[in-house]
Protein backbone atom coordinates (compact mmCIF):
# COMPACT_ATOMS: atom_id res chain seq x y z
CA MET A 1 126.14 246.03 94.56
CA LEU A 2 126.89 246.16 90.85
CA THR A 3 123.91 246.46 88.51
CA GLU A 4 123.49 245.50 84.86
CA GLN A 5 123.46 249.20 83.98
CA GLN A 6 126.97 249.62 85.44
CA ILE A 7 128.48 246.90 83.27
CA HIS A 8 130.02 248.97 80.50
CA GLY A 9 133.35 250.37 79.43
CA ILE A 10 136.72 249.04 80.53
CA TYR A 11 137.07 246.68 83.50
CA VAL A 12 140.68 245.81 84.32
CA PRO A 13 141.70 242.43 85.80
CA VAL A 14 144.46 243.37 88.23
CA ILE A 15 147.81 241.69 88.70
CA THR A 16 149.04 240.51 92.11
CA PRO A 17 152.52 241.86 92.89
CA PHE A 18 154.87 239.52 94.75
CA THR A 19 158.22 239.96 96.43
CA GLN A 20 161.17 237.82 95.39
CA ASP A 21 160.39 235.45 98.29
CA ASN A 22 156.80 234.88 97.08
CA GLN A 23 155.03 237.15 99.57
CA LEU A 24 152.40 239.73 98.64
CA ASP A 25 153.97 243.10 97.87
CA LEU A 26 151.23 245.22 99.40
CA THR A 27 153.11 248.48 98.98
CA SER A 28 153.38 247.94 95.23
CA PHE A 29 149.77 246.83 95.12
CA GLN A 30 148.56 250.07 96.69
CA THR A 31 150.64 252.13 94.24
CA TYR A 32 149.31 250.05 91.36
CA ILE A 33 145.66 250.36 92.44
CA THR A 34 146.10 254.11 92.78
CA HIS A 35 147.51 254.25 89.25
CA MET A 36 144.63 252.19 87.82
CA ALA A 37 141.96 254.09 89.77
CA ASN A 38 143.19 257.38 88.29
CA SER A 39 143.14 256.08 84.72
CA GLY A 40 139.40 256.41 84.06
CA ILE A 41 138.40 252.74 84.06
CA GLN A 42 134.91 251.53 84.99
CA GLY A 43 135.83 248.56 87.18
CA LEU A 44 138.55 246.47 88.85
CA VAL A 45 138.69 242.67 88.98
CA ILE A 46 140.61 241.04 91.83
CA ASN A 47 141.65 237.36 91.84
CA GLY A 48 141.13 236.70 88.17
CA THR A 49 143.49 234.77 85.90
CA THR A 50 145.60 237.92 85.49
CA GLY A 51 145.94 238.02 89.28
CA GLU A 52 147.40 234.48 89.28
CA SER A 53 144.34 233.20 91.12
CA PRO A 54 145.44 229.52 91.12
CA THR A 55 148.38 230.41 93.40
CA VAL A 56 146.76 233.08 95.61
CA SER A 57 145.17 231.96 98.89
CA TRP A 58 141.80 233.26 100.02
CA ASP A 59 143.45 235.01 102.98
CA GLU A 60 145.58 236.90 100.47
CA VAL A 61 142.50 237.74 98.37
CA GLU A 62 140.93 239.29 101.46
CA GLN A 63 144.02 241.45 102.00
CA LEU A 64 143.94 242.61 98.37
CA VAL A 65 140.24 243.49 98.53
CA ARG A 66 140.65 245.45 101.76
CA ILE A 67 143.59 247.45 100.41
CA THR A 68 141.68 248.14 97.21
CA LYS A 69 138.63 249.40 99.12
CA ASP A 70 140.77 251.56 101.42
CA THR A 71 142.73 252.99 98.48
CA LEU A 72 139.60 253.83 96.48
CA SER A 73 138.06 255.41 99.56
CA SER A 74 141.13 257.59 100.15
CA LEU A 75 140.98 258.69 96.50
CA ASN A 76 137.23 259.30 96.71
CA LYS A 77 136.73 256.91 93.78
CA ALA A 78 133.53 254.88 93.46
CA ILE A 79 134.90 252.16 91.18
CA PRO A 80 133.16 248.76 91.36
CA ILE A 81 135.22 245.86 92.70
CA VAL A 82 134.60 242.44 91.17
CA VAL A 83 136.16 239.45 92.98
CA GLY A 84 136.91 236.13 91.32
CA THR A 85 135.31 233.38 93.42
CA GLY A 86 134.73 230.58 90.92
CA THR A 87 136.34 227.16 91.31
CA ASN A 88 135.55 223.69 89.99
CA ASP A 89 133.95 222.79 93.34
CA THR A 90 130.49 224.27 93.83
CA ALA A 91 130.66 224.19 97.63
CA SER A 92 133.97 226.07 97.59
CA THR A 93 132.59 228.58 95.08
CA ILE A 94 129.59 229.25 97.32
CA THR A 95 131.83 229.74 100.37
CA ARG A 96 134.13 232.13 98.53
CA THR A 97 131.16 234.03 97.12
CA GLN A 98 129.70 234.41 100.62
CA LYS A 99 133.06 235.69 101.89
CA ALA A 100 133.34 238.13 98.99
CA LYS A 101 129.88 239.43 99.87
CA GLU A 102 131.01 239.96 103.49
CA LEU A 103 134.07 241.85 102.22
CA GLY A 104 131.81 244.25 100.34
CA ALA A 105 132.50 243.07 96.79
CA ASP A 106 130.23 244.76 94.28
CA ALA A 107 130.03 241.56 92.22
CA VAL A 108 131.80 238.25 91.77
CA LEU A 109 133.32 236.66 88.68
CA VAL A 110 132.43 232.96 88.50
CA VAL A 111 134.17 230.82 85.90
CA THR A 112 132.61 227.78 84.27
CA PRO A 113 133.76 224.78 86.37
CA TYR A 114 137.04 223.51 84.96
CA TYR A 115 138.91 220.19 84.82
CA ASN A 116 136.13 217.87 86.07
CA ARG A 117 134.12 218.44 82.84
CA PRO A 118 130.55 218.55 84.25
CA THR A 119 127.43 218.07 82.14
CA GLU A 120 125.42 221.03 80.91
CA ALA A 121 122.91 220.35 83.68
CA GLY A 122 125.71 220.36 86.25
CA ILE A 123 127.09 223.65 84.94
CA PHE A 124 123.65 225.26 85.15
CA GLU A 125 123.15 224.02 88.72
CA HIS A 126 126.59 225.32 89.69
CA PHE A 127 125.56 228.84 88.70
CA ARG A 128 122.01 228.51 90.02
CA VAL A 129 123.01 227.64 93.57
CA THR A 130 125.87 230.16 93.58
CA ALA A 131 123.45 232.89 92.50
CA ASP A 132 121.37 232.12 95.60
CA VAL A 133 124.15 233.64 97.76
CA GLY A 134 122.82 237.06 96.83
CA VAL A 135 125.85 238.84 95.38
CA PRO A 136 125.69 239.80 91.67
CA ILE A 137 127.43 237.29 89.41
CA ILE A 138 129.33 237.90 86.20
CA VAL A 139 129.66 234.55 84.43
CA TYR A 140 133.12 233.82 82.99
CA GLU A 141 133.18 231.53 79.96
CA ILE A 142 136.70 230.60 78.80
CA PRO A 143 136.78 227.13 77.16
CA ALA A 144 140.53 227.23 76.48
CA ARG A 145 141.15 227.09 80.25
CA THR A 146 138.14 225.11 81.50
CA GLY A 147 138.08 222.25 79.00
CA VAL A 148 134.32 222.64 78.42
CA ARG A 149 132.27 224.91 76.18
CA VAL A 150 128.82 225.83 77.41
CA SER A 151 126.13 225.54 74.74
CA ILE A 152 124.26 228.65 73.67
CA ASP A 153 120.98 227.27 75.04
CA THR A 154 122.48 226.53 78.46
CA MET A 155 124.20 229.92 78.56
CA LYS A 156 120.86 231.59 77.84
CA LYS A 157 119.38 229.76 80.84
CA ILE A 158 122.31 230.78 83.04
CA MET A 159 122.06 234.39 81.93
CA ASN A 160 118.35 234.41 82.79
CA LEU A 161 119.03 233.46 86.43
CA ASN A 162 118.16 236.03 89.06
CA GLY A 163 121.45 237.29 90.44
CA VAL A 164 123.40 236.83 87.19
CA ILE A 165 124.03 240.32 85.79
CA GLY A 166 126.43 239.74 82.90
CA LEU A 167 128.98 237.63 81.07
CA LYS A 168 132.70 237.82 80.39
CA ASP A 169 133.01 236.13 77.00
CA SER A 170 136.46 234.64 76.36
CA THR A 171 135.38 232.09 73.76
CA ASN A 172 137.90 233.26 71.14
CA GLY A 173 135.19 234.42 68.77
CA ILE A 174 131.91 236.32 68.52
CA GLU A 175 129.41 233.50 67.92
CA LEU A 176 128.21 233.11 71.52
CA MET A 177 127.91 236.84 72.10
CA SER A 178 126.12 237.43 68.80
CA GLU A 179 123.52 234.76 69.58
CA LEU A 180 122.97 236.09 73.09
CA VAL A 181 122.65 239.70 71.93
CA ARG A 182 120.08 238.68 69.33
CA SER A 183 117.95 237.15 72.08
CA GLY A 184 118.10 240.27 74.25
CA SER A 185 120.90 239.28 76.62
CA LYS A 186 122.16 240.93 79.78
CA PRO A 187 125.44 242.87 79.29
CA ILE A 188 128.41 241.04 77.81
CA LEU A 189 132.03 242.10 78.27
CA CYS A 190 134.72 241.05 75.81
CA GLY A 191 137.29 238.84 77.53
CA ASP A 192 139.42 238.06 74.46
CA ASP A 193 141.36 241.28 74.05
CA SER A 194 142.07 240.91 70.32
CA PHE A 195 138.31 240.69 69.62
CA PHE A 196 137.46 243.89 71.51
CA TYR A 197 136.46 246.05 68.55
CA ASP A 198 134.63 243.20 66.79
CA MET A 199 132.65 242.46 69.93
CA LEU A 200 131.74 246.12 70.44
CA ASN A 201 130.46 246.04 66.88
CA GLU A 202 128.29 243.04 67.72
CA GLY A 203 126.78 244.62 70.83
CA ALA A 204 129.27 244.07 73.68
CA ALA A 205 128.89 246.46 76.61
CA GLY A 206 132.66 246.85 76.96
CA GLY A 207 135.66 244.74 77.83
CA MET A 208 137.26 243.01 80.79
CA LEU A 209 140.73 243.27 79.32
CA ALA A 210 144.06 242.25 80.83
CA SER A 211 145.94 244.24 78.19
CA ALA A 212 144.22 247.44 79.40
CA ASN A 213 146.66 247.41 82.33
CA ILE A 214 148.97 249.10 79.81
CA ASN A 215 147.98 251.88 77.39
CA THR A 216 144.81 252.12 79.45
CA LYS A 217 143.68 255.46 78.10
CA GLN A 218 143.86 254.16 74.52
CA PHE A 219 141.56 251.26 75.37
CA ILE A 220 139.16 253.67 77.04
CA GLU A 221 139.27 255.90 73.95
CA VAL A 222 138.49 252.94 71.68
CA TYR A 223 135.34 252.37 73.73
CA ASP A 224 134.44 256.07 74.04
CA ARG A 225 134.81 256.71 70.30
CA PHE A 226 132.68 253.69 69.49
CA LYS A 227 129.91 254.75 71.86
CA ALA A 228 130.03 258.29 70.43
CA GLY A 229 129.37 256.88 66.96
CA ASP A 230 132.91 257.26 65.61
CA LYS A 231 133.27 253.61 64.62
CA ASP A 232 136.01 254.28 62.08
CA GLY A 233 138.07 256.20 64.62
CA SER A 234 137.51 253.50 67.20
CA ARG A 235 138.60 250.79 64.77
CA ASP A 236 141.69 252.68 63.65
CA LEU A 237 142.80 253.31 67.23
CA PHE A 238 142.18 249.69 68.17
CA ASN A 239 144.17 248.47 65.17
CA GLU A 240 147.15 250.40 66.56
CA LEU A 241 146.83 248.31 69.74
CA VAL A 242 146.56 244.92 68.02
CA PRO A 243 150.33 244.20 67.71
CA PHE A 244 150.74 245.11 71.40
CA ILE A 245 147.91 242.72 72.35
CA HIS A 246 149.34 239.87 70.25
CA HIS A 247 152.82 240.25 71.77
CA LEU A 248 151.36 240.44 75.27
CA PHE A 249 149.86 236.96 75.02
CA GLU A 250 152.68 235.20 73.16
CA GLU A 251 153.69 233.82 76.56
CA PRO A 252 151.38 233.09 79.50
CA ALA A 253 149.95 236.19 81.18
CA PRO A 254 150.64 238.07 83.35
CA ALA A 255 154.40 237.62 82.89
CA LEU A 256 154.85 240.39 80.33
CA LEU A 257 152.28 242.63 82.03
CA LYS A 258 154.25 242.51 85.25
CA TRP A 259 157.50 243.28 83.46
CA LEU A 260 155.93 246.30 81.75
CA LEU A 261 154.44 247.57 85.03
CA LYS A 262 157.85 247.18 86.66
CA GLN A 263 159.47 249.07 83.77
CA GLN A 264 157.02 251.91 84.40
CA GLY A 265 157.93 251.97 88.09
CA ILE A 266 154.41 251.02 89.20
CA ILE A 267 155.42 247.74 90.89
CA ALA A 268 158.78 246.82 92.39
CA SER A 269 159.18 243.33 90.97
CA ASP A 270 157.88 241.26 88.05
CA HIS A 271 158.13 238.07 90.12
CA LEU A 272 155.53 235.35 89.49
CA ARG A 273 154.68 232.28 91.54
CA LEU A 274 155.52 228.93 89.99
CA PRO A 275 154.58 227.27 87.73
CA LEU A 276 154.47 230.60 85.85
CA MET A 277 157.83 231.95 84.74
CA PRO A 278 159.07 235.45 83.87
CA ALA A 279 158.78 236.68 80.30
CA SER A 280 161.63 235.64 78.01
CA GLU A 281 164.31 238.14 77.04
CA GLN A 282 163.29 237.75 73.38
CA LEU A 283 159.72 238.77 74.11
CA LYS A 284 160.81 241.64 76.35
CA ALA A 285 162.93 243.04 73.52
CA LYS A 286 160.05 242.72 71.07
CA MET A 287 157.58 244.40 73.43
CA ASP A 288 160.02 247.09 74.53
CA GLN A 289 160.32 248.32 70.94
CA TYR A 290 156.57 248.37 70.51
CA THR A 291 155.84 249.97 73.88
CA VAL A 292 158.09 252.94 73.10
CA SER A 293 156.06 253.74 69.99
CA SER A 294 152.66 252.93 71.46
CA ASN A 295 153.17 255.15 74.51
CA ALA A 296 153.60 258.09 72.16
CA VAL A 297 150.07 257.60 70.84
CA GLY A 298 147.28 259.47 72.60
């Protein structure tokens, strides 16, 4: 089980490779997990937004978790596996969290309930009863996708729950994290990639960053330099990554991520399940030029 002390550094939300006929590409997935496991990251996140969780069935999630565990075992890598189990239905979230526990997940990522716009009391209860399952929870706050923004006071209560070990903060700013850190919060991971350096500067424990699928070692070095006290070096290296990050999210993720991973020969196809569409040719051209230069750094 994941502990608060293990929440640091770079956690990578993984993509889910598909074949052209919409099936899981398990061969590509194993190659991809091997590549990520050898990159020096601190954790893997399965069935997050980057993994196209809205279109992946729970049976498929179980296959992905098993392959990940088997691959890490064969590589003798003890990298924590976090599984996304949050939905906007508390009963479903509890069931998925129980199943993730049975699969041997080290923690689960539980998003603030989306679409049905619950009250603050309802959001708190959602996390309280899910925490009773007994698998460590990383709370995922991302108002742009959920349609609700949890107040700082309610988030403090959620973070104080037994079983909640940290937060992925994707609030598009540093206000929530700053307030929580000032009150002695559990670990917080940056979930808005472009704020990574700023959030480290405000006390973040690391980042759960989709963009770290590419140029992974540079993201790790940004964190390592910061922790070693070289804040200027960390900032300068991160600033080199900022144009890459901005291009990456010009269109809905993980379209461009998959194209880049295919270009690198790590996955066989950049296919996505509808309603997501492949990256546009214009964005590919823009990113291709940047990727050539960025790969030469570090």
